[in-house]
Amino acid sequence: MTSLSFSDFRKNMAGSFDLVDGGERVYINRGRRKIYAIIPIDDDDLTITPALEAKIEKARKEYHGGKTLHFENAAAAQKWMDEL
């Protein structure tokens, strides 16, 4: 794992991407509380496959058929989870 400040990342972006391409986890710290991860994305990550499309269609049918949970807000969802 490699952790860089934003300034260090800007100075050597190509080197950071080379680390990721080599399997290394690279994190960029921006300020005190913001951390970002660099991850590689390939064509499969940007394409909706037929299998994924089938899952999406199934979920749509379940939603329209009233077979899914619905919460009016986050507090209602949290209350439901707390009661499990």
PDB file of N, CA and C in Angstrom:
ATOM      1  N   MET A   1       0.840  -1.177   0.000  1.00  0.00           N
ATOM      2  CA  MET A   1       0.000   0.000   0.000  1.00  0.00           C
ATOM      3  C   MET A   1       0.883   1.236   0.000  1.00  0.00           C
ATOM      4  N   THR A   2       0.524   2.190  -0.830  1.00  0.00           N
ATOM      5  CA  THR A   2       1.235   3.457  -0.901  1.00  0.00           C
ATOM      6  C   THR A   2       0.256   4.578  -0.610  1.00  0.00           C
ATOM      7  N   SER A   3       0.632   5.478   0.268  1.00  0.00           N
ATOM      8  CA  SER A   3      -0.194   6.622   0.613  1.00  0.00           C
ATOM      9  C   SER A   3       0.584   7.886   0.269  1.00  0.00           C
ATOM     10  N   LEU A   4      -0.031   8.754  -0.522  1.00  0.00           N
ATOM     11  CA  LEU A   4       0.640   9.968  -0.980  1.00  0.00           C
ATOM     12  C   LEU A   4      -0.168  11.202  -0.613  1.00  0.00           C
ATOM     13  N   SER A   5       0.526  12.293  -0.405  1.00  0.00           N
ATOM     14  CA  SER A   5      -0.176  13.566  -0.289  1.00  0.00           C
ATOM     15  C   SER A   5      -0.627  13.961  -1.689  1.00  0.00           C
ATOM     16  N   PHE A   6      -1.583  14.855  -1.777  1.00  0.00           N
ATOM     17  CA  PHE A   6      -2.056  15.298  -3.079  1.00  0.00           C
ATOM     18  C   PHE A   6      -0.918  15.950  -3.860  1.00  0.00           C
ATOM     19  N   SER A   7      -0.094  16.707  -3.172  1.00  0.00           N
ATOM     20  CA  SER A   7       1.049  17.368  -3.837  1.00  0.00           C
ATOM     21  C   SER A   7       2.013  16.346  -4.423  1.00  0.00           C
ATOM     22  N   ASP A   8       2.326  15.297  -3.657  1.00  0.00           N
ATOM     23  CA  ASP A   8       3.225  14.257  -4.159  1.00  0.00           C
ATOM     24  C   ASP A   8       2.610  13.518  -5.340  1.00  0.00           C
ATOM     25  N   PHE A   9       1.319  13.292  -5.284  1.00  0.00           N
ATOM     26  CA  PHE A   9       0.636  12.637  -6.404  1.00  0.00           C
ATOM     27  C   PHE A   9       0.737  13.486  -7.663  1.00  0.00           C
ATOM     28  N   ARG A  10       0.490  14.783  -7.535  1.00  0.00           N
ATOM     29  CA  ARG A  10       0.563  15.675  -8.697  1.00  0.00           C
ATOM     30  C   ARG A  10       1.961  15.698  -9.298  1.00  0.00           C
ATOM     31  N   LYS A  11       2.980  15.620  -8.450  1.00  0.00           N
ATOM     32  CA  LYS A  11       4.360  15.653  -8.938  1.00  0.00           C
ATOM     33  C   LYS A  11       4.732  14.398  -9.720  1.00  0.00           C
ATOM     34  N   ASN A  12       4.103  13.268  -9.393  1.00  0.00           N
ATOM     35  CA  ASN A  12       4.482  12.009 -10.034  1.00  0.00           C
ATOM     36  C   ASN A  12       3.257  11.139 -10.323  1.00  0.00           C
ATOM     37  N   MET A  13       2.349  11.671 -11.130  1.00  0.00           N
ATOM     38  CA  MET A  13       1.143  10.921 -11.465  1.00  0.00           C
ATOM     39  C   MET A  13       1.470   9.636 -12.212  1.00  0.00           C
ATOM     40  N   ALA A  14       2.339   9.718 -13.187  1.00  0.00           N
ATOM     41  CA  ALA A  14       2.669   8.533 -13.990  1.00  0.00           C
ATOM     42  C   ALA A  14       3.215   7.419 -13.102  1.00  0.00           C
ATOM     43  N   GLY A  15       4.063   7.757 -12.157  1.00  0.00           N
ATOM     44  CA  GLY A  15       4.609   6.759 -11.248  1.00  0.00           C
ATOM     45  C   GLY A  15       3.530   6.131 -10.388  1.00  0.00           C
ATOM     46  N   SER A  16       2.548   6.932  -9.979  1.00  0.00           N
ATOM     47  CA  SER A  16       1.433   6.415  -9.177  1.00  0.00           C
ATOM     48  C   SER A  16       0.610   5.420  -9.981  1.00  0.00           C
ATOM     49  N   PHE A  17       0.335   5.761 -11.234  1.00  0.00           N
ATOM     50  CA  PHE A  17      -0.430   4.855 -12.091  1.00  0.00           C
ATOM     51  C   PHE A  17       0.356   3.581 -12.378  1.00  0.00           C
ATOM     52  N   ASP A  18       1.683   3.700 -12.513  1.00  0.00           N
ATOM     53  CA  ASP A  18       2.512   2.510 -12.716  1.00  0.00           C
ATOM     54  C   ASP A  18       2.416   1.567 -11.514  1.00  0.00           C
ATOM     55  N   LEU A  19       2.387   2.135 -10.304  1.00  0.00           N
ATOM     56  CA  LEU A  19       2.233   1.312  -9.106  1.00  0.00           C
ATOM     57  C   LEU A  19       0.910   0.549  -9.121  1.00  0.00           C
ATOM     58  N   VAL A  20      -0.165   1.259  -9.487  1.00  0.00           N
ATOM     59  CA  VAL A  20      -1.482   0.623  -9.548  1.00  0.00           C
ATOM     60  C   VAL A  20      -1.481  -0.478 -10.606  1.00  0.00           C
ATOM     61  N   ASP A  21      -0.895  -0.193 -11.759  1.00  0.00           N
ATOM     62  CA  ASP A  21      -0.815  -1.205 -12.820  1.00  0.00           C
ATOM     63  C   ASP A  21      -0.042  -2.434 -12.362  1.00  0.00           C
ATOM     64  N   GLY A  22       0.861  -2.254 -11.423  1.00  0.00           N
ATOM     65  CA  GLY A  22       1.634  -3.361 -10.880  1.00  0.00           C
ATOM     66  C   GLY A  22       0.958  -4.075  -9.723  1.00  0.00           C
ATOM     67  N   GLY A  23      -0.281  -3.678  -9.406  1.00  0.00           N
ATOM     68  CA  GLY A  23      -1.022  -4.354  -8.349  1.00  0.00           C
ATOM     69  C   GLY A  23      -0.978  -3.667  -6.994  1.00  0.00           C
ATOM     70  N   GLU A  24      -0.280  -2.562  -6.899  1.00  0.00           N
ATOM     71  CA  GLU A  24      -0.163  -1.832  -5.631  1.00  0.00           C
ATOM     72  C   GLU A  24      -1.431  -1.015  -5.371  1.00  0.00           C
ATOM     73  N   ARG A  25      -1.828  -0.923  -4.114  1.00  0.00           N
ATOM     74  CA  ARG A  25      -2.915  -0.033  -3.722  1.00  0.00           C
ATOM     75  C   ARG A  25      -2.321   1.352  -3.480  1.00  0.00           C
ATOM     76  N   VAL A  26      -2.899   2.356  -4.112  1.00  0.00           N
ATOM     77  CA  VAL A  26      -2.400   3.722  -3.970  1.00  0.00           C
ATOM     78  C   VAL A  26      -3.532   4.598  -3.449  1.00  0.00           C
ATOM     79  N   TYR A  27      -3.259   5.275  -2.339  1.00  0.00           N
ATOM     80  CA  TYR A  27      -4.214   6.188  -1.721  1.00  0.00           C
ATOM     81  C   TYR A  27      -3.653   7.594  -1.752  1.00  0.00           C
ATOM     82  N   ILE A  28      -4.528   8.561  -2.012  1.00  0.00           N
ATOM     83  CA  ILE A  28      -4.129   9.962  -2.070  1.00  0.00           C
ATOM     84  C   ILE A  28      -4.853  10.701  -0.961  1.00  0.00           C
ATOM     85  N   ASN A  29      -4.081  11.361  -0.124  1.00  0.00           N
ATOM     86  CA  ASN A  29      -4.638  12.149   0.975  1.00  0.00           C
ATOM     87  C   ASN A  29      -4.797  13.588   0.506  1.00  0.00           C
ATOM     88  N   ARG A  30      -6.005  14.098   0.628  1.00  0.00           N
ATOM     89  CA  ARG A  30      -6.270  15.490   0.255  1.00  0.00           C
ATOM     90  C   ARG A  30      -6.873  16.171   1.473  1.00  0.00           C
ATOM     91  N   GLY A  31      -6.090  16.941   2.134  1.00  0.00           N
ATOM     92  CA  GLY A  31      -6.542  17.543   3.374  1.00  0.00           C
ATOM     93  C   GLY A  31      -6.470  16.519   4.496  1.00  0.00           C
ATOM     94  N   ARG A  32      -7.112  16.823   5.590  1.00  0.00           N
ATOM     95  CA  ARG A  32      -7.037  15.936   6.750  1.00  0.00           C
ATOM     96  C   ARG A  32      -8.011  14.769   6.688  1.00  0.00           C
ATOM     97  N   ARG A  33      -9.137  14.950   6.048  1.00  0.00           N
ATOM     98  CA  ARG A  33     -10.183  13.931   6.138  1.00  0.00           C
ATOM     99  C   ARG A  33     -10.589  13.327   4.808  1.00  0.00           C
ATOM    100  N   LYS A  34      -9.930  13.670   3.746  1.00  0.00           N
ATOM    101  CA  LYS A  34     -10.318  13.136   2.444  1.00  0.00           C
ATOM    102  C   LYS A  34      -9.227  12.212   1.926  1.00  0.00           C
ATOM    103  N   ILE A  35      -9.611  10.976   1.616  1.00  0.00           N
ATOM    104  CA  ILE A  35      -8.687   9.997   1.072  1.00  0.00           C
ATOM    105  C   ILE A  35      -9.328   9.398  -0.175  1.00  0.00           C
ATOM    106  N   TYR A  36      -8.555   9.304  -1.224  1.00  0.00           N
ATOM    107  CA  TYR A  36      -9.028   8.747  -2.485  1.00  0.00           C
ATOM    108  C   TYR A  36      -8.163   7.556  -2.852  1.00  0.00           C
ATOM    109  N   ALA A  37      -8.747   6.596  -3.557  1.00  0.00           N
ATOM    110  CA  ALA A  37      -8.020   5.420  -4.014  1.00  0.00           C
ATOM    111  C   ALA A  37      -7.975   5.446  -5.537  1.00  0.00           C
ATOM    112  N   ILE A  38      -6.848   5.046  -6.093  1.00  0.00           N
ATOM    113  CA  ILE A  38      -6.745   4.906  -7.541  1.00  0.00           C
ATOM    114  C   ILE A  38      -7.000   3.441  -7.868  1.00  0.00           C
ATOM    115  N   ILE A  39      -7.941   3.203  -8.752  1.00  0.00           N
ATOM    116  CA  ILE A  39      -8.224   1.828  -9.161  1.00  0.00           C
ATOM    117  C   ILE A  39      -8.274   1.759 -10.686  1.00  0.00           C
ATOM    118  N   PRO A  40      -7.778   0.669 -11.248  1.00  0.00           N
ATOM    119  CA  PRO A  40      -7.854   0.533 -12.707  1.00  0.00           C
ATOM    120  C   PRO A  40      -9.262   0.120 -13.126  1.00  0.00           C
ATOM    121  N   ILE A  41      -9.692   0.595 -14.265  1.00  0.00           N
ATOM    122  CA  ILE A  41     -10.995   0.244 -14.815  1.00  0.00           C
ATOM    123  C   ILE A  41     -10.771  -0.256 -16.233  1.00  0.00           C
ATOM    124  N   ASP A  42     -11.408  -1.388 -16.558  1.00  0.00           N
ATOM    125  CA  ASP A  42     -11.289  -1.879 -17.924  1.00  0.00           C
ATOM    126  C   ASP A  42     -12.642  -1.805 -18.614  1.00  0.00           C
ATOM    127  N   ASP A  43     -12.700  -2.229 -19.864  1.00  0.00           N
ATOM    128  CA  ASP A  43     -13.925  -2.116 -20.652  1.00  0.00           C
ATOM    129  C   ASP A  43     -15.113  -2.823 -20.005  1.00  0.00           C
ATOM    130  N   ASP A  44     -14.875  -3.941 -19.319  1.00  0.00           N
ATOM    131  CA  ASP A  44     -15.971  -4.665 -18.672  1.00  0.00           C
ATOM    132  C   ASP A  44     -16.640  -3.836 -17.587  1.00  0.00           C
ATOM    133  N   ASP A  45     -15.880  -2.941 -16.965  1.00  0.00           N
ATOM    134  CA  ASP A  45     -16.444  -2.097 -15.917  1.00  0.00           C
ATOM    135  C   ASP A  45     -17.355  -1.012 -16.484  1.00  0.00           C
ATOM    136  N   LEU A  46     -17.236  -0.748 -17.777  1.00  0.00           N
ATOM    137  CA  LEU A  46     -17.996   0.327 -18.407  1.00  0.00           C
ATOM    138  C   LEU A  46     -19.130  -0.186 -19.288  1.00  0.00           C
ATOM    139  N   THR A  47     -19.322  -1.485 -19.315  1.00  0.00           N
ATOM    140  CA  THR A  47     -20.305  -2.098 -20.196  1.00  0.00           C
ATOM    141  C   THR A  47     -21.359  -2.838 -19.389  1.00  0.00           C
ATOM    142  N   ILE A  48     -22.599  -2.691 -19.807  1.00  0.00           N
ATOM    143  CA  ILE A  48     -23.675  -3.465 -19.190  1.00  0.00           C
ATOM    144  C   ILE A  48     -23.789  -4.757 -19.990  1.00  0.00           C
ATOM    145  N   THR A  49     -23.405  -5.836 -19.353  1.00  0.00           N
ATOM    146  CA  THR A  49     -23.439  -7.149 -19.999  1.00  0.00           C
ATOM    147  C   THR A  49     -24.879  -7.657 -20.055  1.00  0.00           C
ATOM    148  N   PRO A  50     -25.144  -8.637 -20.903  1.00  0.00           N
ATOM    149  CA  PRO A  50     -26.495  -9.218 -20.923  1.00  0.00           C
ATOM    150  C   PRO A  50     -26.910  -9.778 -19.557  1.00  0.00           C
ATOM    151  N   ALA A  51     -25.979 -10.387 -18.837  1.00  0.00           N
ATOM    152  CA  ALA A  51     -26.300 -10.919 -17.508  1.00  0.00           C
ATOM    153  C   ALA A  51     -26.680  -9.793 -16.553  1.00  0.00           C
ATOM    154  N   LEU A  52     -25.935  -8.688 -16.578  1.00  0.00           N
ATOM    155  CA  LEU A  52     -26.261  -7.558 -15.716  1.00  0.00           C
ATOM    156  C   LEU A  52     -27.587  -6.936 -16.127  1.00  0.00           C
ATOM    157  N   GLU A  53     -27.829  -6.828 -17.427  1.00  0.00           N
ATOM    158  CA  GLU A  53     -29.095  -6.281 -17.899  1.00  0.00           C
ATOM    159  C   GLU A  53     -30.274  -7.129 -17.421  1.00  0.00           C
ATOM    160  N   ALA A  54     -30.113  -8.449 -17.405  1.00  0.00           N
ATOM    161  CA  ALA A  54     -31.169  -9.339 -16.912  1.00  0.00           C
ATOM    162  C   ALA A  54     -31.423  -9.102 -15.426  1.00  0.00           C
ATOM    163  N   LYS A  55     -30.358  -8.909 -14.645  1.00  0.00           N
ATOM    164  CA  LYS A  55     -30.523  -8.636 -13.217  1.00  0.00           C
ATOM    165  C   LYS A  55     -31.239  -7.303 -12.993  1.00  0.00           C
ATOM    166  N   ILE A  56     -30.895  -6.315 -13.792  1.00  0.00           N
ATOM    167  CA  ILE A  56     -31.540  -4.996 -13.674  1.00  0.00           C
ATOM    168  C   ILE A  56     -33.022  -5.113 -14.004  1.00  0.00           C
ATOM    169  N   GLU A  57     -33.345  -5.829 -15.071  1.00  0.00           N
ATOM    170  CA  GLU A  57     -34.740  -5.994 -15.464  1.00  0.00           C
ATOM    171  C   GLU A  57     -35.535  -6.751 -14.391  1.00  0.00           C
ATOM    172  N   LYS A  58     -34.934  -7.773 -13.808  1.00  0.00           N
ATOM    173  CA  LYS A  58     -35.581  -8.523 -12.724  1.00  0.00           C
ATOM    174  C   LYS A  58     -35.856  -7.605 -11.535  1.00  0.00           C
ATOM    175  N   ALA A  59     -34.879  -6.769 -11.190  1.00  0.00           N
ATOM    176  CA  ALA A  59     -35.051  -5.830 -10.072  1.00  0.00           C
ATOM    177  C   ALA A  59     -36.148  -4.818 -10.372  1.00  0.00           C
ATOM    178  N   ARG A  60     -36.234  -4.350 -11.620  1.00  0.00           N
ATOM    179  CA  ARG A  60     -37.307  -3.415 -11.994  1.00  0.00           C
ATOM    180  C   ARG A  60     -38.678  -4.056 -11.815  1.00  0.00           C
ATOM    181  N   LYS A  61     -38.798  -5.304 -12.271  1.00  0.00           N
ATOM    182  CA  LYS A  61     -40.081  -6.007 -12.131  1.00  0.00           C
ATOM    183  C   LYS A  61     -40.446  -6.191 -10.663  1.00  0.00           C
ATOM    184  N   GLU A  62     -39.462  -6.555  -9.843  1.00  0.00           N
ATOM    185  CA  GLU A  62     -39.726  -6.714  -8.412  1.00  0.00           C
ATOM    186  C   GLU A  62     -40.151  -5.388  -7.788  1.00  0.00           C
ATOM    187  N   TYR A  63     -39.484  -4.305  -8.186  1.00  0.00           N
ATOM    188  CA  TYR A  63     -39.824  -2.988  -7.652  1.00  0.00           C
ATOM    189  C   TYR A  63     -41.254  -2.606  -8.045  1.00  0.00           C
ATOM    190  N   HIS A  64     -41.572  -2.733  -9.331  1.00  0.00           N
ATOM    191  CA  HIS A  64     -42.910  -2.358  -9.793  1.00  0.00           C
ATOM    192  C   HIS A  64     -43.981  -3.303  -9.264  1.00  0.00           C
ATOM    193  N   GLY A  65     -43.606  -4.525  -8.933  1.00  0.00           N
ATOM    194  CA  GLY A  65     -44.551  -5.481  -8.362  1.00  0.00           C
ATOM    195  C   GLY A  65     -44.700  -5.357  -6.854  1.00  0.00           C
ATOM    196  N   GLY A  66     -44.018  -4.377  -6.262  1.00  0.00           N
ATOM    197  CA  GLY A  66     -44.123  -4.150  -4.824  1.00  0.00           C
ATOM    198  C   GLY A  66     -43.393  -5.184  -3.987  1.00  0.00           C
ATOM    199  N   LYS A  67     -42.412  -5.856  -4.573  1.00  0.00           N
ATOM    200  CA  LYS A  67     -41.686  -6.902  -3.856  1.00  0.00           C
ATOM    201  C   LYS A  67     -40.374  -6.405  -3.250  1.00  0.00           C
ATOM    202  N   THR A  68     -40.228  -5.114  -3.127  1.00  0.00           N
ATOM    203  CA  THR A  68     -39.005  -4.557  -2.538  1.00  0.00           C
ATOM    204  C   THR A  68     -39.361  -3.702  -1.331  1.00  0.00           C
ATOM    205  N   LEU A  69     -38.383  -3.456  -0.500  1.00  0.00           N
ATOM    206  CA  LEU A  69     -38.588  -2.572   0.641  1.00  0.00           C
ATOM    207  C   LEU A  69     -38.545  -1.124   0.172  1.00  0.00           C
ATOM    208  N   HIS A  70     -39.335  -0.295   0.810  1.00  0.00           N
ATOM    209  CA  HIS A  70     -39.345   1.131   0.480  1.00  0.00           C
ATOM    210  C   HIS A  70     -39.398   1.922   1.786  1.00  0.00           C
ATOM    211  N   PHE A  71     -38.553   2.906   1.894  1.00  0.00           N
ATOM    212  CA  PHE A  71     -38.514   3.760   3.075  1.00  0.00           C
ATOM    213  C   PHE A  71     -38.654   5.205   2.636  1.00  0.00           C
ATOM    214  N   GLU A  72     -39.394   5.968   3.386  1.00  0.00           N
ATOM    215  CA  GLU A  72     -39.612   7.371   3.049  1.00  0.00           C
ATOM    216  C   GLU A  72     -38.358   8.220   3.249  1.00  0.00           C
ATOM    217  N   ASN A  73     -37.492   7.777   4.175  1.00  0.00           N
ATOM    218  CA  ASN A  73     -36.276   8.543   4.448  1.00  0.00           C
ATOM    219  C   ASN A  73     -35.253   7.640   5.128  1.00  0.00           C
ATOM    220  N   ALA A  74     -34.068   8.176   5.346  1.00  0.00           N
ATOM    221  CA  ALA A  74     -32.984   7.398   5.952  1.00  0.00           C
ATOM    222  C   ALA A  74     -33.315   6.995   7.382  1.00  0.00           C
ATOM    223  N   ALA A  75     -34.007   7.849   8.101  1.00  0.00           N
ATOM    224  CA  ALA A  75     -34.354   7.534   9.490  1.00  0.00           C
ATOM    225  C   ALA A  75     -35.264   6.308   9.549  1.00  0.00           C
ATOM    226  N   ALA A  76     -36.197   6.213   8.618  1.00  0.00           N
ATOM    227  CA  ALA A  76     -37.103   5.056   8.594  1.00  0.00           C
ATOM    228  C   ALA A  76     -36.327   3.788   8.255  1.00  0.00           C
ATOM    229  N   ALA A  77     -35.381   3.882   7.334  1.00  0.00           N
ATOM    230  CA  ALA A  77     -34.552   2.727   6.984  1.00  0.00           C
ATOM    231  C   ALA A  77     -33.690   2.305   8.171  1.00  0.00           C
ATOM    232  N   GLN A  78     -33.132   3.280   8.864  1.00  0.00           N
ATOM    233  CA  GLN A  78     -32.307   2.980  10.030  1.00  0.00           C
ATOM    234  C   GLN A  78     -33.133   2.318  11.126  1.00  0.00           C
ATOM    235  N   LYS A  79     -34.354   2.808  11.334  1.00  0.00           N
ATOM    236  CA  LYS A  79     -35.241   2.233  12.339  1.00  0.00           C
ATOM    237  C   LYS A  79     -35.525   0.767  11.993  1.00  0.00           C
ATOM    238  N   TRP A  80     -35.798   0.472  10.725  1.00  0.00           N
ATOM    239  CA  TRP A  80     -36.053  -0.894  10.287  1.00  0.00           C
ATOM    240  C   TRP A  80     -34.842  -1.782  10.550  1.00  0.00           C
ATOM    241  N   MET A  81     -33.651  -1.278  10.224  1.00  0.00           N
ATOM    242  CA  MET A  81     -32.426  -2.061  10.441  1.00  0.00           C
ATOM    243  C   MET A  81     -32.164  -2.308  11.919  1.00  0.00           C
ATOM    244  N   ASP A  82     -32.446  -1.310  12.762  1.00  0.00           N
ATOM    245  CA  ASP A  82     -32.246  -1.460  14.201  1.00  0.00           C
ATOM    246  C   ASP A  82     -33.158  -2.519  14.801  1.00  0.00           C
ATOM    247  N   GLU A  83     -34.309  -2.732  14.167  1.00  0.00           N
ATOM    248  CA  GLU A  83     -35.269  -3.691  14.675  1.00  0.00           C
ATOM    249  C   GLU A  83     -34.994  -5.117  14.216  1.00  0.00           C
ATOM    250  N   LEU A  84     -34.033  -5.297  13.345  1.00  0.00           N
ATOM    251  CA  LEU A  84     -33.710  -6.659  12.875  1.00  0.00           C
ATOM    252  C   LEU A  84     -33.148  -7.509  13.973  1.00  0.00           C
TER     253      LEU A  84
END
